[in-house]
Amino acid sequence: MQFEDFGSDALLFSLYVWVQLKPEISWTVVASDLRYMIYKTLTEHGIVMAFPQRDIHLNNSRPLKIRVLADAPDIVSVKR
């Protein structure tokens, strides 16, 4: 494992592995299994993954201007 860099919300590591695979075994499955094992080990040791937080600051020095649009598309119909 190599410590690569500092991210805006993370410490970035690279894990280098050598795996000899049989034709019926997919590398993506092996990579996923490795990630699950790393996550499980971190959890067992009380290490939690922090998620980035984004704060929105509103200028409330004056009332917010709110408009209701009569012909705005229905959010539910847009998702379908």
PDB file of N, CA and C in Angstrom:
ATOM      1  N   MET A   1       0.855  -1.169   0.000  1.00  0.00           N
ATOM      2  CA  MET A   1       0.000   0.000   0.000  1.00  0.00           C
ATOM      3  C   MET A   1       0.899   1.229   0.000  1.00  0.00           C
ATOM      4  N   GLN A   2       0.485   2.227  -0.759  1.00  0.00           N
ATOM      5  CA  GLN A   2       1.276   3.442  -0.863  1.00  0.00           C
ATOM      6  C   GLN A   2       0.376   4.653  -0.644  1.00  0.00           C
ATOM      7  N   PHE A   3       0.857   5.579   0.206  1.00  0.00           N
ATOM      8  CA  PHE A   3       0.127   6.823   0.462  1.00  0.00           C
ATOM      9  C   PHE A   3       0.426   7.755  -0.708  1.00  0.00           C
ATOM     10  N   GLU A   4      -0.579   8.023  -1.522  1.00  0.00           N
ATOM     11  CA  GLU A   4      -0.377   8.767  -2.764  1.00  0.00           C
ATOM     12  C   GLU A   4      -0.474  10.283  -2.601  1.00  0.00           C
ATOM     13  N   ASP A   5      -1.541  10.747  -1.893  1.00  0.00           N
ATOM     14  CA  ASP A   5      -1.777  12.192  -1.915  1.00  0.00           C
ATOM     15  C   ASP A   5      -2.835  12.564  -0.882  1.00  0.00           C
ATOM     16  N   PHE A   6      -2.993  13.867  -0.701  1.00  0.00           N
ATOM     17  CA  PHE A   6      -4.076  14.419   0.099  1.00  0.00           C
ATOM     18  C   PHE A   6      -5.179  14.859  -0.856  1.00  0.00           C
ATOM     19  N   GLY A   7      -6.411  14.402  -0.630  1.00  0.00           N
ATOM     20  CA  GLY A   7      -7.546  14.877  -1.411  1.00  0.00           C
ATOM     21  C   GLY A   7      -8.247  15.975  -0.643  1.00  0.00           C
ATOM     22  N   SER A   8      -9.241  16.590  -1.259  1.00  0.00           N
ATOM     23  CA  SER A   8      -9.958  17.660  -0.571  1.00  0.00           C
ATOM     24  C   SER A   8     -10.711  17.135   0.648  1.00  0.00           C
ATOM     25  N   ASP A   9     -11.151  15.874   0.600  1.00  0.00           N
ATOM     26  CA  ASP A   9     -11.884  15.273   1.708  1.00  0.00           C
ATOM     27  C   ASP A   9     -11.357  13.879   2.046  1.00  0.00           C
ATOM     28  N   ALA A  10     -10.108  13.588   1.684  1.00  0.00           N
ATOM     29  CA  ALA A  10      -9.640  12.215   1.870  1.00  0.00           C
ATOM     30  C   ALA A  10      -8.122  12.136   1.874  1.00  0.00           C
ATOM     31  N   LEU A  11      -7.630  11.033   2.403  1.00  0.00           N
ATOM     32  CA  LEU A  11      -6.241  10.634   2.228  1.00  0.00           C
ATOM     33  C   LEU A  11      -6.275   9.567   1.132  1.00  0.00           C
ATOM     34  N   LEU A  12      -5.458   9.722   0.118  1.00  0.00           N
ATOM     35  CA  LEU A  12      -5.522   8.827  -1.037  1.00  0.00           C
ATOM     36  C   LEU A  12      -4.401   7.789  -0.977  1.00  0.00           C
ATOM     37  N   PHE A  13      -4.791   6.532  -0.951  1.00  0.00           N
ATOM     38  CA  PHE A  13      -3.852   5.418  -0.925  1.00  0.00           C
ATOM     39  C   PHE A  13      -4.041   4.581  -2.183  1.00  0.00           C
ATOM     40  N   SER A  14      -2.983   3.906  -2.578  1.00  0.00           N
ATOM     41  CA  SER A  14      -3.061   2.934  -3.671  1.00  0.00           C
ATOM     42  C   SER A  14      -2.631   1.585  -3.122  1.00  0.00           C
ATOM     43  N   LEU A  15      -3.344   0.562  -3.535  1.00  0.00           N
ATOM     44  CA  LEU A  15      -3.024  -0.804  -3.132  1.00  0.00           C
ATOM     45  C   LEU A  15      -2.627  -1.557  -4.390  1.00  0.00           C
ATOM     46  N   TYR A  16      -1.415  -2.069  -4.393  1.00  0.00           N
ATOM     47  CA  TYR A  16      -0.919  -2.821  -5.536  1.00  0.00           C
ATOM     48  C   TYR A  16      -0.928  -4.305  -5.191  1.00  0.00           C
ATOM     49  N   VAL A  17      -1.540  -5.103  -6.052  1.00  0.00           N
ATOM     50  CA  VAL A  17      -1.634  -6.547  -5.801  1.00  0.00           C
ATOM     51  C   VAL A  17      -1.255  -7.305  -7.069  1.00  0.00           C
ATOM     52  N   TRP A  18      -0.792  -8.513  -6.865  1.00  0.00           N
ATOM     53  CA  TRP A  18      -0.528  -9.417  -7.977  1.00  0.00           C
ATOM     54  C   TRP A  18      -1.448 -10.611  -7.775  1.00  0.00           C
ATOM     55  N   VAL A  19      -2.286 -10.872  -8.760  1.00  0.00           N
ATOM     56  CA  VAL A  19      -3.256 -11.954  -8.645  1.00  0.00           C
ATOM     57  C   VAL A  19      -3.186 -12.803  -9.906  1.00  0.00           C
ATOM     58  N   GLN A  20      -3.050 -14.102  -9.725  1.00  0.00           N
ATOM     59  CA  GLN A  20      -3.108 -15.006 -10.868  1.00  0.00           C
ATOM     60  C   GLN A  20      -4.523 -15.563 -10.911  1.00  0.00           C
ATOM     61  N   LEU A  21      -5.262 -15.178 -11.942  1.00  0.00           N
ATOM     62  CA  LEU A  21      -6.676 -15.530 -12.031  1.00  0.00           C
ATOM     63  C   LEU A  21      -6.917 -16.701 -12.970  1.00  0.00           C
ATOM     64  N   LYS A  22      -7.899 -17.504 -12.618  1.00  0.00           N
ATOM     65  CA  LYS A  22      -8.381 -18.538 -13.527  1.00  0.00           C
ATOM     66  C   LYS A  22      -9.346 -17.862 -14.499  1.00  0.00           C
ATOM     67  N   PRO A  23      -9.550 -18.412 -15.672  1.00  0.00           N
ATOM     68  CA  PRO A  23     -10.431 -17.767 -16.663  1.00  0.00           C
ATOM     69  C   PRO A  23     -11.851 -17.493 -16.156  1.00  0.00           C
ATOM     70  N   GLU A  24     -12.336 -18.316 -15.242  1.00  0.00           N
ATOM     71  CA  GLU A  24     -13.712 -18.137 -14.763  1.00  0.00           C
ATOM     72  C   GLU A  24     -13.832 -17.100 -13.652  1.00  0.00           C
ATOM     73  N   ILE A  25     -12.720 -16.509 -13.223  1.00  0.00           N
ATOM     74  CA  ILE A  25     -12.740 -15.510 -12.150  1.00  0.00           C
ATOM     75  C   ILE A  25     -12.478 -14.129 -12.735  1.00  0.00           C
ATOM     76  N   SER A  26     -13.343 -13.196 -12.411  1.00  0.00           N
ATOM     77  CA  SER A  26     -13.236 -11.829 -12.932  1.00  0.00           C
ATOM     78  C   SER A  26     -12.412 -10.953 -11.997  1.00  0.00           C
ATOM     79  N   TRP A  27     -11.537 -10.122 -12.573  1.00  0.00           N
ATOM     80  CA  TRP A  27     -10.747  -9.195 -11.769  1.00  0.00           C
ATOM     81  C   TRP A  27     -11.647  -8.229 -11.020  1.00  0.00           C
ATOM     82  N   THR A  28     -12.761  -7.811 -11.610  1.00  0.00           N
ATOM     83  CA  THR A  28     -13.644  -6.856 -10.935  1.00  0.00           C
ATOM     84  C   THR A  28     -14.220  -7.453  -9.655  1.00  0.00           C
ATOM     85  N   VAL A  29     -14.490  -8.744  -9.647  1.00  0.00           N
ATOM     86  CA  VAL A  29     -14.996  -9.411  -8.437  1.00  0.00           C
ATOM     87  C   VAL A  29     -13.904  -9.448  -7.374  1.00  0.00           C
ATOM     88  N   VAL A  30     -12.669  -9.763  -7.776  1.00  0.00           N
ATOM     89  CA  VAL A  30     -11.548  -9.796  -6.831  1.00  0.00           C
ATOM     90  C   VAL A  30     -11.319  -8.399  -6.242  1.00  0.00           C
ATOM     91  N   ALA A  31     -11.337  -7.363  -7.098  1.00  0.00           N
ATOM     92  CA  ALA A  31     -11.135  -5.989  -6.624  1.00  0.00           C
ATOM     93  C   ALA A  31     -12.244  -5.588  -5.652  1.00  0.00           C
ATOM     94  N   SER A  32     -13.479  -5.964  -5.945  1.00  0.00           N
ATOM     95  CA  SER A  32     -14.594  -5.662  -5.046  1.00  0.00           C
ATOM     96  C   SER A  32     -14.410  -6.376  -3.707  1.00  0.00           C
ATOM     97  N   ASP A  33     -14.019  -7.638  -3.745  1.00  0.00           N
ATOM     98  CA  ASP A  33     -13.787  -8.392  -2.508  1.00  0.00           C
ATOM     99  C   ASP A  33     -12.690  -7.743  -1.655  1.00  0.00           C
ATOM    100  N   LEU A  34     -11.628  -7.270  -2.300  1.00  0.00           N
ATOM    101  CA  LEU A  34     -10.562  -6.591  -1.563  1.00  0.00           C
ATOM    102  C   LEU A  34     -11.090  -5.328  -0.882  1.00  0.00           C
ATOM    103  N   ARG A  35     -11.900  -4.557  -1.598  1.00  0.00           N
ATOM    104  CA  ARG A  35     -12.457  -3.332  -1.015  1.00  0.00           C
ATOM    105  C   ARG A  35     -13.368  -3.652   0.176  1.00  0.00           C
ATOM    106  N   TYR A  36     -14.178  -4.709   0.044  1.00  0.00           N
ATOM    107  CA  TYR A  36     -15.038  -5.105   1.173  1.00  0.00           C
ATOM    108  C   TYR A  36     -14.201  -5.533   2.377  1.00  0.00           C
ATOM    109  N   MET A  37     -13.115  -6.241   2.139  1.00  0.00           N
ATOM    110  CA  MET A  37     -12.255  -6.676   3.248  1.00  0.00           C
ATOM    111  C   MET A  37     -11.596  -5.475   3.931  1.00  0.00           C
ATOM    112  N   ILE A  38     -11.151  -4.509   3.143  1.00  0.00           N
ATOM    113  CA  ILE A  38     -10.555  -3.302   3.713  1.00  0.00           C
ATOM    114  C   ILE A  38     -11.591  -2.545   4.530  1.00  0.00           C
ATOM    115  N   TYR A  39     -12.794  -2.382   3.982  1.00  0.00           N
ATOM    116  CA  TYR A  39     -13.858  -1.665   4.694  1.00  0.00           C
ATOM    117  C   TYR A  39     -14.211  -2.378   5.999  1.00  0.00           C
ATOM    118  N   LYS A  40     -14.322  -3.704   5.959  1.00  0.00           N
ATOM    119  CA  LYS A  40     -14.648  -4.482   7.160  1.00  0.00           C
ATOM    120  C   LYS A  40     -13.563  -4.304   8.219  1.00  0.00           C
ATOM    121  N   THR A  41     -12.292  -4.353   7.825  1.00  0.00           N
ATOM    122  CA  THR A  41     -11.188  -4.189   8.766  1.00  0.00           C
ATOM    123  C   THR A  41     -11.197  -2.795   9.396  1.00  0.00           C
ATOM    124  N   LEU A  42     -11.430  -1.773   8.580  1.00  0.00           N
ATOM    125  CA  LEU A  42     -11.517  -0.411   9.113  1.00  0.00           C
ATOM    126  C   LEU A  42     -12.659  -0.301  10.131  1.00  0.00           C
ATOM    127  N   THR A  43     -13.814  -0.854   9.787  1.00  0.00           N
ATOM    128  CA  THR A  43     -14.985  -0.805  10.675  1.00  0.00           C
ATOM    129  C   THR A  43     -14.705  -1.526  11.993  1.00  0.00           C
ATOM    130  N   GLU A  44     -14.075  -2.694  11.917  1.00  0.00           N
ATOM    131  CA  GLU A  44     -13.758  -3.460  13.127  1.00  0.00           C
ATOM    132  C   GLU A  44     -12.815  -2.702  14.056  1.00  0.00           C
ATOM    133  N   HIS A  45     -12.017  -1.807  13.510  1.00  0.00           N
ATOM    134  CA  HIS A  45     -11.079  -1.022  14.312  1.00  0.00           C
ATOM    135  C   HIS A  45     -11.619   0.368  14.646  1.00  0.00           C
ATOM    136  N   GLY A  46     -12.911   0.579  14.406  1.00  0.00           N
ATOM    137  CA  GLY A  46     -13.541   1.842  14.778  1.00  0.00           C
ATOM    138  C   GLY A  46     -13.188   3.013  13.876  1.00  0.00           C
ATOM    139  N   ILE A  47     -12.701   2.724  12.689  1.00  0.00           N
ATOM    140  CA  ILE A  47     -12.351   3.792  11.743  1.00  0.00           C
ATOM    141  C   ILE A  47     -13.534   3.984  10.801  1.00  0.00           C
ATOM    142  N   VAL A  48     -14.071   5.190  10.802  1.00  0.00           N
ATOM    143  CA  VAL A  48     -15.233   5.468   9.946  1.00  0.00           C
ATOM    144  C   VAL A  48     -14.802   6.329   8.766  1.00  0.00           C
ATOM    145  N   MET A  49     -15.503   6.157   7.685  1.00  0.00           N
ATOM    146  CA  MET A  49     -15.234   6.944   6.480  1.00  0.00           C
ATOM    147  C   MET A  49     -16.018   8.245   6.582  1.00  0.00           C
ATOM    148  N   ALA A  50     -15.322   9.343   6.532  1.00  0.00           N
ATOM    149  CA  ALA A  50     -15.975  10.651   6.577  1.00  0.00           C
ATOM    150  C   ALA A  50     -16.511  10.984   5.186  1.00  0.00           C
ATOM    151  N   PHE A  51     -17.682  11.581   5.154  1.00  0.00           N
ATOM    152  CA  PHE A  51     -18.263  11.998   3.893  1.00  0.00           C
ATOM    153  C   PHE A  51     -18.156  13.511   3.798  1.00  0.00           C
ATOM    154  N   PRO A  52     -17.895  14.024   2.603  1.00  0.00           N
ATOM    155  CA  PRO A  52     -17.757  15.476   2.470  1.00  0.00           C
ATOM    156  C   PRO A  52     -19.046  16.192   2.847  1.00  0.00           C
ATOM    157  N   GLN A  53     -18.898  17.311   3.495  1.00  0.00           N
ATOM    158  CA  GLN A  53     -20.051  18.114   3.876  1.00  0.00           C
ATOM    159  C   GLN A  53     -20.039  19.395   3.064  1.00  0.00           C
ATOM    160  N   ARG A  54     -21.174  19.745   2.566  1.00  0.00           N
ATOM    161  CA  ARG A  54     -21.320  20.976   1.800  1.00  0.00           C
ATOM    162  C   ARG A  54     -22.343  21.848   2.511  1.00  0.00           C
ATOM    163  N   ASP A  55     -21.912  23.010   2.945  1.00  0.00           N
ATOM    164  CA  ASP A  55     -22.799  23.939   3.631  1.00  0.00           C
ATOM    165  C   ASP A  55     -23.256  25.014   2.648  1.00  0.00           C
ATOM    166  N   ILE A  56     -24.499  25.385   2.771  1.00  0.00           N
ATOM    167  CA  ILE A  56     -25.040  26.476   1.971  1.00  0.00           C
ATOM    168  C   ILE A  56     -25.325  27.631   2.916  1.00  0.00           C
ATOM    169  N   HIS A  57     -24.773  28.762   2.610  1.00  0.00           N
ATOM    170  CA  HIS A  57     -24.986  29.961   3.422  1.00  0.00           C
ATOM    171  C   HIS A  57     -25.857  30.935   2.642  1.00  0.00           C
ATOM    172  N   LEU A  58     -26.980  31.291   3.211  1.00  0.00           N
ATOM    173  CA  LEU A  58     -27.895  32.246   2.580  1.00  0.00           C
ATOM    174  C   LEU A  58     -27.708  33.620   3.197  1.00  0.00           C
ATOM    175  N   ASN A  59     -27.752  34.610   2.358  1.00  0.00           N
ATOM    176  CA  ASN A  59     -27.698  35.979   2.839  1.00  0.00           C
ATOM    177  C   ASN A  59     -29.089  36.326   3.371  1.00  0.00           C
ATOM    178  N   ASN A  60     -29.232  36.347   4.684  1.00  0.00           N
ATOM    179  CA  ASN A  60     -30.546  36.611   5.279  1.00  0.00           C
ATOM    180  C   ASN A  60     -30.629  38.027   5.844  1.00  0.00           C
ATOM    181  N   SER A  61     -29.843  38.923   5.274  1.00  0.00           N
ATOM    182  CA  SER A  61     -29.913  40.317   5.728  1.00  0.00           C
ATOM    183  C   SER A  61     -31.211  40.989   5.265  1.00  0.00           C
ATOM    184  N   ARG A  62     -31.870  40.363   4.294  1.00  0.00           N
ATOM    185  CA  ARG A  62     -33.183  40.851   3.829  1.00  0.00           C
ATOM    186  C   ARG A  62     -34.021  39.634   3.483  1.00  0.00           C
ATOM    187  N   PRO A  63     -35.332  39.773   3.404  1.00  0.00           N
ATOM    188  CA  PRO A  63     -36.195  38.610   3.105  1.00  0.00           C
ATOM    189  C   PRO A  63     -35.854  37.982   1.750  1.00  0.00           C
ATOM    190  N   LEU A  64     -35.976  36.668   1.687  1.00  0.00           N
ATOM    191  CA  LEU A  64     -35.736  35.972   0.433  1.00  0.00           C
ATOM    192  C   LEU A  64     -36.910  36.187  -0.518  1.00  0.00           C
ATOM    193  N   LYS A  65     -36.618  36.398  -1.775  1.00  0.00           N
ATOM    194  CA  LYS A  65     -37.652  36.569  -2.783  1.00  0.00           C
ATOM    195  C   LYS A  65     -38.047  35.189  -3.294  1.00  0.00           C
ATOM    196  N   ILE A  66     -39.325  34.854  -3.190  1.00  0.00           N
ATOM    197  CA  ILE A  66     -39.822  33.544  -3.596  1.00  0.00           C
ATOM    198  C   ILE A  66     -40.872  33.738  -4.680  1.00  0.00           C
ATOM    199  N   ARG A  67     -40.756  32.943  -5.762  1.00  0.00           N
ATOM    200  CA  ARG A  67     -41.736  32.995  -6.844  1.00  0.00           C
ATOM    201  C   ARG A  67     -42.311  31.598  -7.052  1.00  0.00           C
ATOM    202  N   VAL A  68     -43.611  31.525  -7.296  1.00  0.00           N
ATOM    203  CA  VAL A  68     -44.281  30.267  -7.614  1.00  0.00           C
ATOM    204  C   VAL A  68     -44.609  30.300  -9.095  1.00  0.00           C
ATOM    205  N   LEU A  69     -44.110  29.305  -9.822  1.00  0.00           N
ATOM    206  CA  LEU A  69     -44.338  29.243 -11.257  1.00  0.00           C
ATOM    207  C   LEU A  69     -45.489  28.291 -11.546  1.00  0.00           C
ATOM    208  N   ALA A  70     -46.545  28.807 -12.145  1.00  0.00           N
ATOM    209  CA  ALA A  70     -47.739  28.001 -12.406  1.00  0.00           C
ATOM    210  C   ALA A  70     -47.475  26.902 -13.439  1.00  0.00           C
ATOM    211  N   ASP A  71     -46.613  27.146 -14.405  1.00  0.00           N
ATOM    212  CA  ASP A  71     -46.388  26.168 -15.459  1.00  0.00           C
ATOM    213  C   ASP A  71     -45.110  25.348 -15.257  1.00  0.00           C
ATOM    214  N   ALA A  72     -44.591  25.313 -14.030  1.00  0.00           N
ATOM    215  CA  ALA A  72     -43.395  24.526 -13.751  1.00  0.00           C
ATOM    216  C   ALA A  72     -43.715  23.040 -13.854  1.00  0.00           C
ATOM    217  N   PRO A  73     -42.805  22.231 -14.409  1.00  0.00           N
ATOM    218  CA  PRO A  73     -43.080  20.792 -14.530  1.00  0.00           C
ATOM    219  C   PRO A  73     -43.169  20.128 -13.158  1.00  0.00           C
ATOM    220  N   ASP A  74     -44.025  19.138 -13.081  1.00  0.00           N
ATOM    221  CA  ASP A  74     -44.195  18.374 -11.849  1.00  0.00           C
ATOM    222  C   ASP A  74     -42.946  17.504 -11.654  1.00  0.00           C
ATOM    223  N   ILE A  75     -42.312  17.585 -10.489  1.00  0.00           N
ATOM    224  CA  ILE A  75     -41.077  16.850 -10.204  1.00  0.00           C
ATOM    225  C   ILE A  75     -41.292  15.350 -10.377  1.00  0.00           C
ATOM    226  N   VAL A  76     -42.438  14.835  -9.929  1.00  0.00           N
ATOM    227  CA  VAL A  76     -42.715  13.405  -9.996  1.00  0.00           C
ATOM    228  C   VAL A  76     -42.772  12.954 -11.448  1.00  0.00           C
ATOM    229  N   SER A  77     -43.405  13.735 -12.328  1.00  0.00           N
ATOM    230  CA  SER A  77     -43.519  13.333 -13.719  1.00  0.00           C
ATOM    231  C   SER A  77     -42.179  13.421 -14.430  1.00  0.00           C
ATOM    232  N   VAL A  78     -41.285  14.278 -13.997  1.00  0.00           N
ATOM    233  CA  VAL A  78     -39.971  14.395 -14.622  1.00  0.00           C
ATOM    234  C   VAL A  78     -39.133  13.161 -14.327  1.00  0.00           C
ATOM    235  N   LYS A  79     -39.241  12.594 -13.124  1.00  0.00           N
ATOM    236  CA  LYS A  79     -38.432  11.433 -12.725  1.00  0.00           C
ATOM    237  C   LYS A  79     -38.851  10.161 -13.458  1.00  0.00           C
ATOM    238  N   ARG A  80     -40.039  10.084 -13.963  1.00  0.00           N
ATOM    239  CA  ARG A  80     -40.517   8.851 -14.610  1.00  0.00           C
ATOM    240  C   ARG A  80     -39.961   8.683 -15.943  1.00  0.00           C
TER     241      ARG A  80
END
